[in-house]
Amino acid sequence: MKAQRIIYWTATVLLCALMIYSAQMYFRNPEMVKGFFEALHYPTYIVIPLAILKVCGVIMILWRGIPWLTEWAYAGFFIDITLAAAAHYYAGHDITQALIGLILVLVSYFFGKEVRPMYR
């Protein structure tokens, strides 16, 4: 159980750090991020709402107070990272970081069910 706990917390902290880093970049330099979104053919009006949702998702994953919101946070991160990987792939960019993020989401989610069960 100790190894599972270490794996879970490592993946979760790295995932949350990735999402917070991404969100702070969206807040601090939205024009640059909007340029990236345009290059990847995504609408630019979702930059700030996406940053807000990333912060909310991190809070829900760490808190785990409302089970269905925690599930939606993981689902949102999975969808966000999957779409980012697809967009970067079709743009001819390296998708290594997106694949690492996808692995972190899956590891955190599945190990979290064992380490921190929401339904007691």
Protein backbone atom coordinates (compact mmCIF):
# COMPACT_ATOMS: atom_id res chain seq x y z
CA MET A 1 0.00 0.00 0.00
CA LYS A 2 2.91 2.36 0.70
CA ALA A 3 4.22 2.01 -2.87
CA GLN A 4 0.74 2.74 -4.24
CA ARG A 5 0.51 5.83 -2.05
CA ILE A 6 3.88 7.10 -3.29
CA ILE A 7 2.96 6.47 -6.93
CA TYR A 8 -0.42 8.17 -6.47
CA TRP A 9 0.93 11.27 -4.76
CA THR A 10 3.84 11.62 -7.19
CA ALA A 11 1.54 11.41 -10.22
CA THR A 12 -1.06 13.68 -8.63
CA VAL A 13 1.42 16.38 -7.61
CA LEU A 14 3.06 16.32 -11.05
CA LEU A 15 -0.35 16.47 -12.76
CA CYS A 16 -1.47 19.37 -10.58
CA ALA A 17 1.83 21.18 -11.16
CA LEU A 18 1.40 20.73 -14.92
CA MET A 19 -2.13 22.12 -14.82
CA ILE A 20 -1.23 25.06 -12.54
CA TYR A 21 1.76 25.90 -14.74
CA SER A 22 -0.49 25.83 -17.79
CA ALA A 23 -3.19 27.95 -16.12
CA GLN A 24 -0.73 30.57 -14.87
CA MET A 25 0.67 30.88 -18.38
CA TYR A 26 -2.87 31.43 -19.69
CA PHE A 27 -3.46 34.17 -17.09
CA ARG A 28 -0.08 35.89 -17.34
CA ASN A 29 0.32 35.95 -21.11
CA PRO A 30 -3.08 35.41 -22.72
CA GLU A 31 -2.10 37.01 -26.03
CA MET A 32 0.75 34.54 -26.54
CA VAL A 33 -1.53 31.62 -25.64
CA LYS A 34 -4.23 32.93 -27.97
CA GLY A 35 -1.62 32.87 -30.74
CA PHE A 36 -0.89 29.23 -29.93
CA PHE A 37 -4.60 28.43 -29.95
CA GLU A 38 -5.03 30.13 -33.35
CA ALA A 39 -2.08 28.17 -34.77
CA LEU A 40 -3.70 24.94 -33.54
CA HIS A 41 -7.11 25.99 -34.91
CA TYR A 42 -8.80 26.27 -31.52
CA PRO A 43 -11.08 29.20 -30.61
CA THR A 44 -9.29 31.87 -28.58
CA TYR A 45 -12.26 32.78 -26.41
CA ILE A 46 -11.74 29.64 -24.31
CA VAL A 47 -8.28 30.60 -23.01
CA ILE A 48 -9.33 32.29 -19.74
CA PRO A 49 -12.29 29.97 -18.99
CA LEU A 50 -10.00 26.99 -19.58
CA ALA A 51 -7.43 28.44 -17.15
CA ILE A 52 -10.13 28.93 -14.50
CA LEU A 53 -11.36 25.36 -15.00
CA LYS A 54 -7.83 24.00 -14.69
CA VAL A 55 -7.41 25.72 -11.32
CA CYS A 56 -10.82 24.42 -10.19
CA GLY A 57 -9.89 20.92 -11.38
CA VAL A 58 -6.67 20.97 -9.35
CA ILE A 59 -8.62 22.05 -6.27
CA MET A 60 -11.15 19.25 -6.72
CA ILE A 61 -8.50 16.57 -7.28
CA LEU A 62 -6.57 17.57 -4.18
CA TRP A 63 -9.65 18.11 -2.00
CA ARG A 64 -11.81 15.18 -3.23
CA GLY A 65 -14.70 16.52 -1.17
CA ILE A 66 -17.48 16.05 -3.72
CA PRO A 67 -17.03 12.72 -5.54
CA TRP A 68 -18.86 13.58 -8.77
CA LEU A 69 -16.92 16.84 -9.15
CA THR A 70 -13.66 14.99 -8.64
CA GLU A 71 -14.66 12.54 -11.38
CA TRP A 72 -15.47 15.46 -13.69
CA ALA A 73 -12.13 17.10 -12.89
CA TYR A 74 -10.28 13.97 -13.98
CA ALA A 75 -12.49 13.68 -17.06
CA GLY A 76 -11.83 17.30 -17.94
CA PHE A 77 -8.08 16.89 -17.59
CA PHE A 78 -8.20 13.72 -19.70
CA ILE A 79 -10.16 15.48 -22.45
CA ASP A 80 -7.97 18.61 -22.28
CA ILE A 81 -4.73 16.66 -22.59
CA THR A 82 -6.08 14.32 -25.27
CA LEU A 83 -7.24 17.24 -27.42
CA ALA A 84 -3.92 19.03 -26.86
CA ALA A 85 -2.02 15.92 -27.96
CA ALA A 86 -4.18 15.56 -31.08
CA ALA A 87 -3.82 19.25 -31.99
CA HIS A 88 -0.06 19.18 -31.56
CA TYR A 89 0.23 15.92 -33.49
CA TYR A 90 -1.72 17.29 -36.46
CA ALA A 91 0.32 20.50 -36.34
CA GLY A 92 3.51 18.45 -36.56
CA HIS A 93 4.70 19.28 -33.04
CA ASP A 94 6.24 16.98 -30.47
CA ILE A 95 3.57 15.34 -28.29
CA THR A 96 5.84 13.87 -25.62
CA GLN A 97 4.68 16.30 -22.92
CA ALA A 98 1.03 15.62 -23.70
CA LEU A 99 1.59 11.87 -23.48
CA ILE A 100 3.33 12.29 -20.13
CA GLY A 101 0.36 14.37 -18.95
CA LEU A 102 -2.04 11.68 -20.14
CA ILE A 103 -0.11 9.02 -18.23
CA LEU A 104 -0.16 11.21 -15.10
CA VAL A 105 -3.94 11.63 -15.34
CA LEU A 106 -4.52 7.90 -15.69
CA VAL A 107 -2.09 6.90 -12.95
CA SER A 108 -3.47 9.51 -10.54
CA TYR A 109 -7.06 8.51 -11.27
CA PHE A 110 -6.69 4.74 -10.95
CA PHE A 111 -4.28 4.76 -8.02
CA GLY A 112 -6.48 7.37 -6.32
CA LYS A 113 -9.36 4.92 -6.25
CA GLU A 114 -7.22 2.62 -4.07
CA VAL A 115 -5.30 5.17 -2.01
CA ARG A 116 -8.02 7.78 -1.39
CA PRO A 117 -11.44 6.21 -1.93
CA MET A 118 -14.19 8.82 -2.20
CA TYR A 119 -17.03 6.61 -1.08
CA ARG A 120 -16.62 5.45 2.48
